[in-house]
Amino acid sequence: MELNTNKVYIDVDRVIQAYNDKNPNEPKMTREKLAEILGVKTQVFSNWKSDRQKTPRFAKYMLILLELGDIPATEFIRERK
């Protein structure tokens, strides 16, 4: 299996839309709120999409792991206690 991961980026707008769709009774997620949660500036999202700033390398690895395992990331990414 070969997965083309040469040009990957994290599309936070899709994450925001999915969150808002799944949580219609909660306050809307925005780029500003997401940036605050992640501890980054909102500009980083546009930079990832336009390739002005490299997407974190782990994104490529995540694509491969998600395809290989064919399971949600929440099934294999764990928080240390």
C-alpha atoms as a PDB file:
ATOM      1  CA  MET A   1       0.000   0.000   0.000  1.00  0.00           C
ATOM      2  CA  GLU A   2       1.270   3.426  -0.885  1.00  0.00           C
ATOM      3  CA  LEU A   3      -0.330   6.535   0.522  1.00  0.00           C
ATOM      4  CA  ASN A   4       0.564   9.832  -1.130  1.00  0.00           C
ATOM      5  CA  THR A   5       1.380  12.112   1.779  1.00  0.00           C
ATOM      6  CA  ASN A   6       3.692  14.535  -0.031  1.00  0.00           C
ATOM      7  CA  LYS A   7       1.407  17.522   0.344  1.00  0.00           C
ATOM      8  CA  VAL A   8      -0.788  17.252   3.393  1.00  0.00           C
ATOM      9  CA  TYR A   9      -2.336  19.924   5.508  1.00  0.00           C
ATOM     10  CA  ILE A  10      -4.735  20.041   8.409  1.00  0.00           C
ATOM     11  CA  ASP A  11      -8.076  21.452   7.249  1.00  0.00           C
ATOM     12  CA  VAL A  12      -9.335  22.963  10.473  1.00  0.00           C
ATOM     13  CA  ASP A  13     -12.375  24.415   8.721  1.00  0.00           C
ATOM     14  CA  ARG A  14     -13.691  20.875   8.201  1.00  0.00           C
ATOM     15  CA  VAL A  15     -13.071  20.103  11.867  1.00  0.00           C
ATOM     16  CA  ILE A  16     -14.927  23.257  12.902  1.00  0.00           C
ATOM     17  CA  GLN A  17     -17.847  22.479  10.589  1.00  0.00           C
ATOM     18  CA  ALA A  18     -18.065  18.883  11.832  1.00  0.00           C
ATOM     19  CA  TYR A  19     -18.016  20.056  15.449  1.00  0.00           C
ATOM     20  CA  ASN A  20     -20.731  22.616  14.829  1.00  0.00           C
ATOM     21  CA  ASP A  21     -22.874  20.079  12.949  1.00  0.00           C
ATOM     22  CA  LYS A  22     -22.566  17.536  15.770  1.00  0.00           C
ATOM     23  CA  ASN A  23     -23.161  20.086  18.528  1.00  0.00           C
ATOM     24  CA  PRO A  24     -26.005  22.341  17.339  1.00  0.00           C
ATOM     25  CA  ASN A  25     -26.984  23.349  20.884  1.00  0.00           C
ATOM     26  CA  GLU A  26     -23.464  24.350  21.930  1.00  0.00           C
ATOM     27  CA  PRO A  27     -21.783  27.692  21.236  1.00  0.00           C
ATOM     28  CA  LYS A  28     -20.327  27.639  17.714  1.00  0.00           C
ATOM     29  CA  MET A  29     -16.702  26.651  17.305  1.00  0.00           C
ATOM     30  CA  THR A  30     -14.677  29.267  15.452  1.00  0.00           C
ATOM     31  CA  ARG A  31     -11.108  29.521  14.247  1.00  0.00           C
ATOM     32  CA  GLU A  32     -10.439  31.846  17.152  1.00  0.00           C
ATOM     33  CA  LYS A  33     -11.767  29.387  19.737  1.00  0.00           C
ATOM     34  CA  LEU A  34      -9.906  26.492  18.133  1.00  0.00           C
ATOM     35  CA  ALA A  35      -6.661  28.479  18.060  1.00  0.00           C
ATOM     36  CA  GLU A  36      -7.088  29.225  21.753  1.00  0.00           C
ATOM     37  CA  ILE A  37      -7.700  25.536  22.518  1.00  0.00           C
ATOM     38  CA  LEU A  38      -4.600  24.515  20.541  1.00  0.00           C
ATOM     39  CA  GLY A  39      -2.444  27.341  21.876  1.00  0.00           C
ATOM     40  CA  VAL A  40      -1.664  28.781  18.441  1.00  0.00           C
ATOM     41  CA  LYS A  41      -2.489  31.931  16.510  1.00  0.00           C
ATOM     42  CA  THR A  42      -5.303  31.727  13.955  1.00  0.00           C
ATOM     43  CA  GLN A  43      -2.908  32.619  11.139  1.00  0.00           C
ATOM     44  CA  VAL A  44      -1.267  29.194  11.430  1.00  0.00           C
ATOM     45  CA  PHE A  45      -4.390  27.562   9.950  1.00  0.00           C
ATOM     46  CA  SER A  46      -4.163  29.639   6.758  1.00  0.00           C
ATOM     47  CA  ASN A  47      -0.418  29.113   6.642  1.00  0.00           C
ATOM     48  CA  TRP A  48      -0.852  25.323   6.740  1.00  0.00           C
ATOM     49  CA  LYS A  49      -3.445  25.419   3.980  1.00  0.00           C
ATOM     50  CA  SER A  50      -1.402  27.705   1.706  1.00  0.00           C
ATOM     51  CA  ASP A  51       1.912  25.928   2.478  1.00  0.00           C
ATOM     52  CA  ARG A  52       3.472  29.134   3.829  1.00  0.00           C
ATOM     53  CA  GLN A  53       4.191  27.155   6.966  1.00  0.00           C
ATOM     54  CA  LYS A  54       4.867  23.434   7.015  1.00  0.00           C
ATOM     55  CA  THR A  55       2.109  21.293   8.436  1.00  0.00           C
ATOM     56  CA  PRO A  56       3.416  19.402  11.473  1.00  0.00           C
ATOM     57  CA  ARG A  57       5.132  16.184  10.372  1.00  0.00           C
ATOM     58  CA  PHE A  58       2.861  14.078  12.523  1.00  0.00           C
ATOM     59  CA  ALA A  59      -0.003  14.813  10.083  1.00  0.00           C
ATOM     60  CA  LYS A  60       1.602  12.566   7.450  1.00  0.00           C
ATOM     61  CA  TYR A  61       2.054   9.801   9.990  1.00  0.00           C
ATOM     62  CA  MET A  62      -1.541  10.145  11.142  1.00  0.00           C
ATOM     63  CA  LEU A  63      -2.829   9.661   7.590  1.00  0.00           C
ATOM     64  CA  ILE A  64      -0.861   6.452   7.247  1.00  0.00           C
ATOM     65  CA  LEU A  65      -1.959   5.126  10.650  1.00  0.00           C
ATOM     66  CA  LEU A  66      -5.597   5.970  10.021  1.00  0.00           C
ATOM     67  CA  GLU A  67      -5.579   4.204   6.676  1.00  0.00           C
ATOM     68  CA  LEU A  68      -3.681   1.163   7.938  1.00  0.00           C
ATOM     69  CA  GLY A  69      -5.814   0.663  11.007  1.00  0.00           C
ATOM     70  CA  ASP A  70      -9.081   1.794   9.423  1.00  0.00           C
ATOM     71  CA  ILE A  71     -10.220   2.972  12.867  1.00  0.00           C
ATOM     72  CA  PRO A  72     -10.869   6.423  14.337  1.00  0.00           C
ATOM     73  CA  ALA A  73      -7.863   8.210  15.818  1.00  0.00           C
ATOM     74  CA  THR A  74      -9.596   8.134  19.204  1.00  0.00           C
ATOM     75  CA  GLU A  75      -9.132   4.374  19.181  1.00  0.00           C
ATOM     76  CA  PHE A  76      -5.340   4.508  19.135  1.00  0.00           C
ATOM     77  CA  ILE A  77      -4.273   7.909  20.456  1.00  0.00           C
ATOM     78  CA  ARG A  78      -4.252   7.790  24.226  1.00  0.00           C
ATOM     79  CA  GLU A  79      -3.624  10.351  26.926  1.00  0.00           C
ATOM     80  CA  ARG A  80      -0.915   9.429  29.418  1.00  0.00           C
ATOM     81  CA  LYS A  81      -1.990   9.329  33.033  1.00  0.00           C
END
